[in-house]
Protein backbone atom coordinates (compact mmCIF):
# COMPACT_ATOMS: atom_id res chain seq x y z
CA MET A 1 -8.55 11.66 0.20
CA GLU A 2 -4.91 12.50 0.78
CA PRO A 3 -1.48 10.86 0.68
CA MET A 4 -0.80 8.28 3.42
CA ASP A 5 -4.50 7.48 3.85
CA ILE A 6 -5.36 3.79 3.69
CA TYR A 7 -8.51 2.81 1.80
CA ILE A 8 -10.10 -0.44 0.74
CA ALA A 9 -9.62 -0.72 -3.03
CA ASN A 10 -9.87 -3.18 -5.88
CA VAL A 11 -6.20 -3.64 -6.84
CA PRO A 12 -5.22 -5.73 -9.90
CA PHE A 13 -2.91 -8.71 -9.58
CA ASP A 14 0.45 -8.26 -11.30
CA ASP A 15 0.43 -11.52 -13.21
CA LYS A 16 -3.19 -12.45 -13.82
CA GLY A 17 -4.47 -10.21 -16.58
CA THR A 18 -7.78 -8.75 -15.48
CA ASP A 19 -8.05 -10.41 -12.04
CA SER A 20 -7.96 -8.22 -8.96
CA LYS A 21 -8.34 -8.35 -5.20
CA VAL A 22 -10.12 -6.12 -2.72
CA ARG A 23 -7.46 -5.10 -0.23
CA PRO A 24 -6.07 -2.18 1.75
CA ALA A 25 -4.21 0.34 -0.42
CA LEU A 26 -1.93 3.18 0.66
CA VAL A 27 -2.64 6.43 -1.19
CA ILE A 28 0.56 8.00 -2.53
CA GLU A 29 -0.89 10.68 -4.81
CA VAL A 30 -4.35 11.92 -5.72
CA GLU A 31 -5.06 13.07 -9.29
CA SER A 32 -8.34 14.42 -10.67
CA LYS A 33 -9.74 11.03 -11.74
CA LYS A 34 -7.08 8.58 -10.56
CA VAL A 35 -5.42 7.63 -7.30
CA ILE A 36 -1.86 6.32 -7.17
CA VAL A 37 -1.44 3.63 -4.53
CA PHE A 38 0.82 0.93 -3.17
CA LYS A 39 -0.96 -2.26 -2.16
CA VAL A 40 -0.87 -3.30 1.49
CA THR A 41 -0.52 -6.99 2.36
CA SER A 42 -0.33 -9.20 5.40
CA GLN A 43 1.25 -12.03 3.39
CA TYR A 44 4.97 -12.10 4.11
CA LYS A 45 6.31 -15.36 5.55
CA ARG A 46 5.99 -17.45 2.39
CA LYS A 47 7.40 -14.79 0.08
CA SER A 48 10.84 -15.15 -1.48
CA ALA A 49 13.79 -13.23 -0.04
CA GLN A 50 13.78 -11.10 -3.21
CA ILE A 51 10.14 -10.06 -2.68
CA LYS A 52 10.59 -9.50 1.06
CA LYS A 53 13.26 -6.88 0.28
CA LEU A 54 10.51 -4.76 -1.33
CA TYR A 55 8.06 -4.96 1.60
CA TYR A 56 8.10 -2.17 4.17
CA PRO A 57 6.84 -3.50 7.55
CA ILE A 58 4.24 -1.13 9.02
CA LYS A 59 5.32 -0.65 12.63
CA GLU A 60 2.10 0.93 13.89
CA TRP A 61 -0.32 -1.18 11.86
CA LYS A 62 -3.10 -1.14 14.47
CA GLU A 63 -2.96 2.64 14.70
CA ALA A 64 -3.10 2.77 10.89
CA GLY A 65 -6.48 1.01 10.95
CA LEU A 66 -5.24 -2.41 9.84
CA GLN A 67 -6.46 -5.64 11.43
CA LYS A 68 -3.17 -7.54 11.35
CA GLU A 69 0.52 -7.07 10.89
CA SER A 70 0.92 -5.61 7.39
CA TYR A 71 3.45 -4.49 4.82
CA VAL A 72 3.54 -1.87 2.09
CA ASP A 73 4.45 -3.62 -1.16
CA THR A 74 6.71 -1.05 -2.82
CA HIS A 75 7.55 -3.00 -5.97
CA LYS A 76 4.83 -1.33 -8.06
CA LEU A 77 2.60 1.74 -8.00
CA TYR A 78 -0.97 1.31 -9.22
CA ARG A 79 -3.05 4.04 -10.89
CA LEU A 80 -6.64 3.27 -9.97
CA ALA A 81 -9.82 5.00 -11.00
CA LYS A 82 -11.31 6.67 -7.95
CA LYS A 83 -14.40 4.48 -8.39
CA TRP A 84 -12.23 1.45 -7.46
CA ILE A 85 -11.86 2.87 -3.94
CA PHE A 86 -14.68 1.31 -1.94
CA SER A 87 -14.82 3.04 1.42
CA GLN A 88 -16.04 6.62 1.55
CA GLN A 89 -13.72 7.29 4.45
CA PRO A 90 -10.19 5.94 4.87
CA ILE A 91 -9.87 2.94 7.16
CA GLY A 92 -6.78 4.63 8.58
CA LYS A 93 -3.62 6.56 7.92
CA LEU A 94 0.09 5.83 8.28
CA MET A 95 1.49 7.26 11.49
CA ASP A 96 4.50 9.61 11.36
CA ILE A 97 6.98 6.86 12.30
CA ASP A 98 5.82 4.82 9.30
CA ARG A 99 5.62 7.79 6.94
CA ILE A 100 9.26 8.57 7.66
CA GLY A 101 10.19 4.88 7.69
CA LEU A 102 8.55 4.27 4.30
CA PHE A 103 10.26 7.31 2.80
CA GLU A 104 13.67 6.11 4.06
CA PHE A 105 12.94 2.54 2.92
CA ILE A 106 12.15 3.67 -0.65
CA LYS A 107 15.16 5.97 -0.67
CA GLN A 108 17.42 3.04 0.26
CA LEU A 109 15.83 0.84 -2.42
CA LYS A 110 16.59 3.46 -5.07
CA ASN A 111 20.22 3.70 -3.92
CA ARG A 112 20.87 -0.06 -4.29
């Protein structure tokens, strides 16, 4: 498991207490017992303009192992126990164009 891998994980909802959803998650950092991830979503069109500003569009989503056009939701990092990661192997990995694009996207968000 390494940064920029995409795994299937059980990621908690932001506003629903203990509820969660099994979804793709982008690994940002790997700790001894935890993994820090951004959630990946295909839901975009019905989101508010404010939320859309925080979504990085994955350009090479097919190459990254995703089944449909997807976005990295950068509004919050999640620290998940490694046991919440369900696939033994990553379903994919961000390609270089998206690694660089995500880095630049986050940098611009911080400078706003």
